[in-house]
Amino acid sequence: MNPEDLERLLTVEMPYGKYKGRVIADLPGNYLNWFAREGFPKGDIGRLLALMHEIDHNGLSDLLTPLRQRLRS
């Protein structure tokens, strides 16, 4: 993981599926868990989904709060 990936979680939108258009950081935990069970897609989206799953699963979502605030300003 590189630091830019955390910012990308807040800017890259899910390109398909039930949550198409929602930024990856805002995807619900059960959706991320489904990918963890079924397999993450290949490529950049899969890598970001796996990272967000780890953050969510370990209760670290608050780490994104300062980045969210910075991106809003």
PDB file of N, CA and C in Angstrom:
ATOM      1  N   MET A   1       0.846  -1.177   0.000  1.00  0.00           N
ATOM      2  CA  MET A   1       0.000   0.000   0.000  1.00  0.00           C
ATOM      3  C   MET A   1       0.887   1.235   0.000  1.00  0.00           C
ATOM      4  N   ASN A   2       0.499   2.209  -0.800  1.00  0.00           N
ATOM      5  CA  ASN A   2       1.189   3.491  -0.737  1.00  0.00           C
ATOM      6  C   ASN A   2       0.190   4.540  -0.244  1.00  0.00           C
ATOM      7  N   PRO A   3       0.687   5.652   0.287  1.00  0.00           N
ATOM      8  CA  PRO A   3      -0.209   6.659   0.876  1.00  0.00           C
ATOM      9  C   PRO A   3      -1.271   7.182  -0.090  1.00  0.00           C
ATOM     10  N   GLU A   4      -0.961   7.231  -1.362  1.00  0.00           N
ATOM     11  CA  GLU A   4      -1.933   7.717  -2.341  1.00  0.00           C
ATOM     12  C   GLU A   4      -3.160   6.815  -2.411  1.00  0.00           C
ATOM     13  N   ASP A   5      -2.998   5.543  -2.074  1.00  0.00           N
ATOM     14  CA  ASP A   5      -4.133   4.614  -2.111  1.00  0.00           C
ATOM     15  C   ASP A   5      -5.229   5.019  -1.137  1.00  0.00           C
ATOM     16  N   LEU A   6      -4.854   5.555   0.020  1.00  0.00           N
ATOM     17  CA  LEU A   6      -5.876   5.986   0.985  1.00  0.00           C
ATOM     18  C   LEU A   6      -6.721   7.111   0.401  1.00  0.00           C
ATOM     19  N   GLU A   7      -6.076   8.039  -0.274  1.00  0.00           N
ATOM     20  CA  GLU A   7      -6.825   9.124  -0.913  1.00  0.00           C
ATOM     21  C   GLU A   7      -7.688   8.594  -2.055  1.00  0.00           C
ATOM     22  N   ARG A   8      -7.178   7.623  -2.772  1.00  0.00           N
ATOM     23  CA  ARG A   8      -7.943   7.050  -3.882  1.00  0.00           C
ATOM     24  C   ARG A   8      -9.203   6.337  -3.401  1.00  0.00           C
ATOM     25  N   LEU A   9      -9.182   5.799  -2.182  1.00  0.00           N
ATOM     26  CA  LEU A   9     -10.390   5.177  -1.627  1.00  0.00           C
ATOM     27  C   LEU A   9     -11.530   6.184  -1.523  1.00  0.00           C
ATOM     28  N   LEU A  10     -11.176   7.454  -1.397  1.00  0.00           N
ATOM     29  CA  LEU A  10     -12.167   8.518  -1.240  1.00  0.00           C
ATOM     30  C   LEU A  10     -12.529   9.197  -2.553  1.00  0.00           C
ATOM     31  N   THR A  11     -11.838   8.845  -3.629  1.00  0.00           N
ATOM     32  CA  THR A  11     -12.099   9.516  -4.907  1.00  0.00           C
ATOM     33  C   THR A  11     -12.515   8.574  -6.034  1.00  0.00           C
ATOM     34  N   VAL A  12     -12.090   7.320  -5.959  1.00  0.00           N
ATOM     35  CA  VAL A  12     -12.423   6.360  -7.022  1.00  0.00           C
ATOM     36  C   VAL A  12     -13.806   5.779  -6.754  1.00  0.00           C
ATOM     37  N   GLU A  13     -14.654   5.820  -7.757  1.00  0.00           N
ATOM     38  CA  GLU A  13     -16.012   5.291  -7.629  1.00  0.00           C
ATOM     39  C   GLU A  13     -16.076   3.846  -8.102  1.00  0.00           C
ATOM     40  N   MET A  14     -16.982   3.111  -7.491  1.00  0.00           N
ATOM     41  CA  MET A  14     -17.248   1.738  -7.922  1.00  0.00           C
ATOM     42  C   MET A  14     -17.799   1.805  -9.341  1.00  0.00           C
ATOM     43  N   PRO A  15     -17.171   1.104 -10.293  1.00  0.00           N
ATOM     44  CA  PRO A  15     -17.567   1.255 -11.693  1.00  0.00           C
ATOM     45  C   PRO A  15     -18.754   0.397 -12.135  1.00  0.00           C
ATOM     46  N   TYR A  16     -19.217  -0.512 -11.300  1.00  0.00           N
ATOM     47  CA  TYR A  16     -20.299  -1.419 -11.698  1.00  0.00           C
ATOM     48  C   TYR A  16     -21.001  -1.970 -10.462  1.00  0.00           C
ATOM     49  N   GLY A  17     -22.071  -2.678 -10.702  1.00  0.00           N
ATOM     50  CA  GLY A  17     -22.771  -3.380  -9.627  1.00  0.00           C
ATOM     51  C   GLY A  17     -23.766  -2.518  -8.879  1.00  0.00           C
ATOM     52  N   LYS A  18     -24.252  -3.068  -7.808  1.00  0.00           N
ATOM     53  CA  LYS A  18     -25.290  -2.452  -6.996  1.00  0.00           C
ATOM     54  C   LYS A  18     -24.888  -1.065  -6.496  1.00  0.00           C
ATOM     55  N   TYR A  19     -23.620  -0.869  -6.241  1.00  0.00           N
ATOM     56  CA  TYR A  19     -23.143   0.405  -5.682  1.00  0.00           C
ATOM     57  C   TYR A  19     -22.352   1.226  -6.696  1.00  0.00           C
ATOM     58  N   LYS A  20     -22.660   1.040  -7.959  1.00  0.00           N
ATOM     59  CA  LYS A  20     -21.997   1.806  -9.015  1.00  0.00           C
ATOM     60  C   LYS A  20     -22.132   3.302  -8.725  1.00  0.00           C
ATOM     61  N   GLY A  21     -21.006   4.020  -8.818  1.00  0.00           N
ATOM     62  CA  GLY A  21     -20.998   5.460  -8.599  1.00  0.00           C
ATOM     63  C   GLY A  21     -20.676   5.878  -7.176  1.00  0.00           C
ATOM     64  N   ARG A  22     -20.665   4.945  -6.247  1.00  0.00           N
ATOM     65  CA  ARG A  22     -20.338   5.272  -4.851  1.00  0.00           C
ATOM     66  C   ARG A  22     -18.830   5.130  -4.667  1.00  0.00           C
ATOM     67  N   VAL A  23     -18.215   6.072  -3.956  1.00  0.00           N
ATOM     68  CA  VAL A  23     -16.772   5.957  -3.731  1.00  0.00           C
ATOM     69  C   VAL A  23     -16.486   4.722  -2.889  1.00  0.00           C
ATOM     70  N   ILE A  24     -15.345   4.131  -3.119  1.00  0.00           N
ATOM     71  CA  ILE A  24     -14.999   2.859  -2.495  1.00  0.00           C
ATOM     72  C   ILE A  24     -15.013   2.954  -0.968  1.00  0.00           C
ATOM     73  N   ALA A  25     -14.594   4.083  -0.417  1.00  0.00           N
ATOM     74  CA  ALA A  25     -14.576   4.240   1.036  1.00  0.00           C
ATOM     75  C   ALA A  25     -15.978   4.218   1.633  1.00  0.00           C
ATOM     76  N   ASP A  26     -16.996   4.448   0.828  1.00  0.00           N
ATOM     77  CA  ASP A  26     -18.374   4.483   1.326  1.00  0.00           C
ATOM     78  C   ASP A  26     -19.145   3.191   1.055  1.00  0.00           C
ATOM     79  N   LEU A  27     -18.474   2.173   0.574  1.00  0.00           N
ATOM     80  CA  LEU A  27     -19.149   0.895   0.335  1.00  0.00           C
ATOM     81  C   LEU A  27     -19.427   0.211   1.671  1.00  0.00           C
ATOM     82  N   PRO A  28     -20.589  -0.434   1.798  1.00  0.00           N
ATOM     83  CA  PRO A  28     -20.915  -1.105   3.061  1.00  0.00           C
ATOM     84  C   PRO A  28     -20.028  -2.322   3.305  1.00  0.00           C
ATOM     85  N   GLY A  29     -19.803  -2.590   4.591  1.00  0.00           N
ATOM     86  CA  GLY A  29     -18.946  -3.705   4.979  1.00  0.00           C
ATOM     87  C   GLY A  29     -19.395  -5.042   4.441  1.00  0.00           C
ATOM     88  N   ASN A  30     -20.715  -5.276   4.385  1.00  0.00           N
ATOM     89  CA  ASN A  30     -21.186  -6.577   3.895  1.00  0.00           C
ATOM     90  C   ASN A  30     -20.855  -6.776   2.415  1.00  0.00           C
ATOM     91  N   TYR A  31     -20.824  -5.694   1.654  1.00  0.00           N
ATOM     92  CA  TYR A  31     -20.446  -5.771   0.234  1.00  0.00           C
ATOM     93  C   TYR A  31     -18.955  -6.092   0.111  1.00  0.00           C
ATOM     94  N   LEU A  32     -18.143  -5.443   0.932  1.00  0.00           N
ATOM     95  CA  LEU A  32     -16.703  -5.732   0.936  1.00  0.00           C
ATOM     96  C   LEU A  32     -16.442  -7.163   1.388  1.00  0.00           C
ATOM     97  N   ASN A  33     -17.205  -7.627   2.370  1.00  0.00           N
ATOM     98  CA  ASN A  33     -17.054  -9.013   2.836  1.00  0.00           C
ATOM     99  C   ASN A  33     -17.414 -10.005   1.739  1.00  0.00           C
ATOM    100  N   TRP A  34     -18.423  -9.674   0.943  1.00  0.00           N
ATOM    101  CA  TRP A  34     -18.810 -10.549  -0.162  1.00  0.00           C
ATOM    102  C   TRP A  34     -17.653 -10.708  -1.140  1.00  0.00           C
ATOM    103  N   PHE A  35     -17.002  -9.604  -1.470  1.00  0.00           N
ATOM    104  CA  PHE A  35     -15.834  -9.689  -2.362  1.00  0.00           C
ATOM    105  C   PHE A  35     -14.727 -10.519  -1.725  1.00  0.00           C
ATOM    106  N   ALA A  36     -14.522 -10.361  -0.429  1.00  0.00           N
ATOM    107  CA  ALA A  36     -13.476 -11.128   0.252  1.00  0.00           C
ATOM    108  C   ALA A  36     -13.761 -12.627   0.169  1.00  0.00           C
ATOM    109  N   ARG A  37     -15.026 -13.001   0.253  1.00  0.00           N
ATOM    110  CA  ARG A  37     -15.396 -14.420   0.151  1.00  0.00           C
ATOM    111  C   ARG A  37     -15.327 -14.931  -1.283  1.00  0.00           C
ATOM    112  N   GLU A  38     -15.847 -14.141  -2.212  1.00  0.00           N
ATOM    113  CA  GLU A  38     -15.987 -14.579  -3.599  1.00  0.00           C
ATOM    114  C   GLU A  38     -14.761 -14.293  -4.468  1.00  0.00           C
ATOM    115  N   GLY A  39     -13.946 -13.370  -4.030  1.00  0.00           N
ATOM    116  CA  GLY A  39     -12.750 -12.999  -4.784  1.00  0.00           C
ATOM    117  C   GLY A  39     -12.838 -11.566  -5.285  1.00  0.00           C
ATOM    118  N   PHE A  40     -11.775 -10.824  -5.042  1.00  0.00           N
ATOM    119  CA  PHE A  40     -11.720  -9.452  -5.513  1.00  0.00           C
ATOM    120  C   PHE A  40     -11.426  -9.443  -7.006  1.00  0.00           C
ATOM    121  N   PRO A  41     -11.975  -8.460  -7.737  1.00  0.00           N
ATOM    122  CA  PRO A  41     -11.658  -8.387  -9.160  1.00  0.00           C
ATOM    123  C   PRO A  41     -10.173  -8.104  -9.371  1.00  0.00           C
ATOM    124  N   LYS A  42      -9.699  -8.419 -10.535  1.00  0.00           N
ATOM    125  CA  LYS A  42      -8.301  -8.146 -10.864  1.00  0.00           C
ATOM    126  C   LYS A  42      -8.119  -6.653 -11.103  1.00  0.00           C
ATOM    127  N   GLY A  43      -6.898  -6.213 -10.983  1.00  0.00           N
ATOM    128  CA  GLY A  43      -6.564  -4.835 -11.315  1.00  0.00           C
ATOM    129  C   GLY A  43      -6.706  -3.876 -10.150  1.00  0.00           C
ATOM    130  N   ASP A  44      -6.709  -2.606 -10.509  1.00  0.00           N
ATOM    131  CA  ASP A  44      -6.698  -1.520  -9.537  1.00  0.00           C
ATOM    132  C   ASP A  44      -7.939  -1.520  -8.641  1.00  0.00           C
ATOM    133  N   ILE A  45      -9.112  -1.733  -9.222  1.00  0.00           N
ATOM    134  CA  ILE A  45     -10.341  -1.733  -8.422  1.00  0.00           C
ATOM    135  C   ILE A  45     -10.285  -2.848  -7.378  1.00  0.00           C
ATOM    136  N   GLY A  46      -9.859  -4.017  -7.773  1.00  0.00           N
ATOM    137  CA  GLY A  46      -9.760  -5.132  -6.830  1.00  0.00           C
ATOM    138  C   GLY A  46      -8.786  -4.843  -5.707  1.00  0.00           C
ATOM    139  N   ARG A  47      -7.679  -4.221  -6.034  1.00  0.00           N
ATOM    140  CA  ARG A  47      -6.680  -3.866  -5.024  1.00  0.00           C
ATOM    141  C   ARG A  47      -7.249  -2.856  -4.029  1.00  0.00           C
ATOM    142  N   LEU A  48      -7.970  -1.859  -4.538  1.00  0.00           N
ATOM    143  CA  LEU A  48      -8.573  -0.853  -3.659  1.00  0.00           C
ATOM    144  C   LEU A  48      -9.692  -1.454  -2.814  1.00  0.00           C
ATOM    145  N   LEU A  49     -10.488  -2.339  -3.391  1.00  0.00           N
ATOM    146  CA  LEU A  49     -11.543  -3.016  -2.621  1.00  0.00           C
ATOM    147  C   LEU A  49     -10.941  -3.862  -1.502  1.00  0.00           C
ATOM    148  N   ALA A  50      -9.860  -4.562  -1.797  1.00  0.00           N
ATOM    149  CA  ALA A  50      -9.200  -5.382  -0.780  1.00  0.00           C
ATOM    150  C   ALA A  50      -8.640  -4.509   0.339  1.00  0.00           C
ATOM    151  N   LEU A  51      -8.065  -3.370  -0.017  1.00  0.00           N
ATOM    152  CA  LEU A  51      -7.551  -2.447   0.991  1.00  0.00           C
ATOM    153  C   LEU A  51      -8.681  -1.916   1.868  1.00  0.00           C
ATOM    154  N   MET A  52      -9.780  -1.512   1.236  1.00  0.00           N
ATOM    155  CA  MET A  52     -10.907  -0.994   2.013  1.00  0.00           C
ATOM    156  C   MET A  52     -11.501  -2.074   2.898  1.00  0.00           C
ATOM    157  N   HIS A  53     -11.539  -3.300   2.422  1.00  0.00           N
ATOM    158  CA  HIS A  53     -12.024  -4.414   3.242  1.00  0.00           C
ATOM    159  C   HIS A  53     -11.164  -4.560   4.491  1.00  0.00           C
ATOM    160  N   GLU A  54      -9.845  -4.519   4.338  1.00  0.00           N
ATOM    161  CA  GLU A  54      -8.953  -4.638   5.486  1.00  0.00           C
ATOM    162  C   GLU A  54      -9.162  -3.499   6.481  1.00  0.00           C
ATOM    163  N   ILE A  55      -9.301  -2.288   5.962  1.00  0.00           N
ATOM    164  CA  ILE A  55      -9.529  -1.131   6.823  1.00  0.00           C
ATOM    165  C   ILE A  55     -10.847  -1.291   7.577  1.00  0.00           C
ATOM    166  N   ASP A  56     -11.908  -1.640   6.855  1.00  0.00           N
ATOM    167  CA  ASP A  56     -13.230  -1.799   7.468  1.00  0.00           C
ATOM    168  C   ASP A  56     -13.253  -2.959   8.465  1.00  0.00           C
ATOM    169  N   HIS A  57     -12.711  -4.086   8.055  1.00  0.00           N
ATOM    170  CA  HIS A  57     -12.724  -5.298   8.882  1.00  0.00           C
ATOM    171  C   HIS A  57     -11.987  -5.091  10.204  1.00  0.00           C
ATOM    172  N   ASN A  58     -10.950  -4.281  10.183  1.00  0.00           N
ATOM    173  CA  ASN A  58     -10.151  -4.046  11.380  1.00  0.00           C
ATOM    174  C   ASN A  58     -10.570  -2.794  12.151  1.00  0.00           C
ATOM    175  N   GLY A  59     -11.704  -2.220  11.764  1.00  0.00           N
ATOM    176  CA  GLY A  59     -12.233  -1.074  12.492  1.00  0.00           C
ATOM    177  C   GLY A  59     -11.402   0.185  12.372  1.00  0.00           C
ATOM    178  N   LEU A  60     -10.754   0.364  11.232  1.00  0.00           N
ATOM    179  CA  LEU A  60      -9.855   1.499  11.048  1.00  0.00           C
ATOM    180  C   LEU A  60     -10.415   2.576  10.126  1.00  0.00           C
ATOM    181  N   SER A  61     -11.698   2.548   9.863  1.00  0.00           N
ATOM    182  CA  SER A  61     -12.304   3.505   8.930  1.00  0.00           C
ATOM    183  C   SER A  61     -12.107   4.957   9.358  1.00  0.00           C
ATOM    184  N   ASP A  62     -11.956   5.200  10.653  1.00  0.00           N
ATOM    185  CA  ASP A  62     -11.738   6.563  11.124  1.00  0.00           C
ATOM    186  C   ASP A  62     -10.421   7.154  10.631  1.00  0.00           C
ATOM    187  N   LEU A  63      -9.512   6.305  10.192  1.00  0.00           N
ATOM    188  CA  LEU A  63      -8.254   6.811   9.632  1.00  0.00           C
ATOM    189  C   LEU A  63      -8.498   7.669   8.393  1.00  0.00           C
ATOM    190  N   LEU A  64      -9.619   7.463   7.734  1.00  0.00           N
ATOM    191  CA  LEU A  64      -9.924   8.210   6.518  1.00  0.00           C
ATOM    192  C   LEU A  64     -10.556   9.572   6.800  1.00  0.00           C
ATOM    193  N   THR A  65     -10.984   9.798   8.041  1.00  0.00           N
ATOM    194  CA  THR A  65     -11.680  11.046   8.384  1.00  0.00           C
ATOM    195  C   THR A  65     -10.863  12.300   8.061  1.00  0.00           C
ATOM    196  N   PRO A  66      -9.592  12.374   8.467  1.00  0.00           N
ATOM    197  CA  PRO A  66      -8.820  13.583   8.121  1.00  0.00           C
ATOM    198  C   PRO A  66      -8.693  13.795   6.607  1.00  0.00           C
ATOM    199  N   LEU A  67      -8.559  12.711   5.867  1.00  0.00           N
ATOM    200  CA  LEU A  67      -8.485  12.835   4.407  1.00  0.00           C
ATOM    201  C   LEU A  67      -9.802  13.324   3.825  1.00  0.00           C
ATOM    202  N   ARG A  68     -10.911  12.826   4.348  1.00  0.00           N
ATOM    203  CA  ARG A  68     -12.230  13.287   3.891  1.00  0.00           C
ATOM    204  C   ARG A  68     -12.362  14.794   4.097  1.00  0.00           C
ATOM    205  N   GLN A  69     -11.971  15.244   5.270  1.00  0.00           N
ATOM    206  CA  GLN A  69     -12.072  16.675   5.581  1.00  0.00           C
ATOM    207  C   GLN A  69     -11.169  17.502   4.668  1.00  0.00           C
ATOM    208  N   ARG A  70      -9.980  17.003   4.412  1.00  0.00           N
ATOM    209  CA  ARG A  70      -9.056  17.721   3.535  1.00  0.00           C
ATOM    210  C   ARG A  70      -9.574  17.791   2.108  1.00  0.00           C
ATOM    211  N   LEU A  71     -10.181  16.722   1.636  1.00  0.00           N
ATOM    212  CA  LEU A  71     -10.699  16.704   0.265  1.00  0.00           C
ATOM    213  C   LEU A  71     -11.930  17.591   0.106  1.00  0.00           C
ATOM    214  N   ARG A  72     -12.680  17.796   1.183  1.00  0.00           N
ATOM    215  CA  ARG A  72     -13.875  18.664   1.118  1.00  0.00           C
ATOM    216  C   ARG A  72     -13.490  20.139   1.059  1.00  0.00           C
ATOM    217  N   SER A  73     -12.307  20.483   1.606  1.00  0.00           N
ATOM    218  CA  SER A  73     -11.932  21.901   1.638  1.00  0.00           C
ATOM    219  C   SER A  73     -11.378  22.374   0.325  1.00  0.00           C
TER     220      SER A  73
END
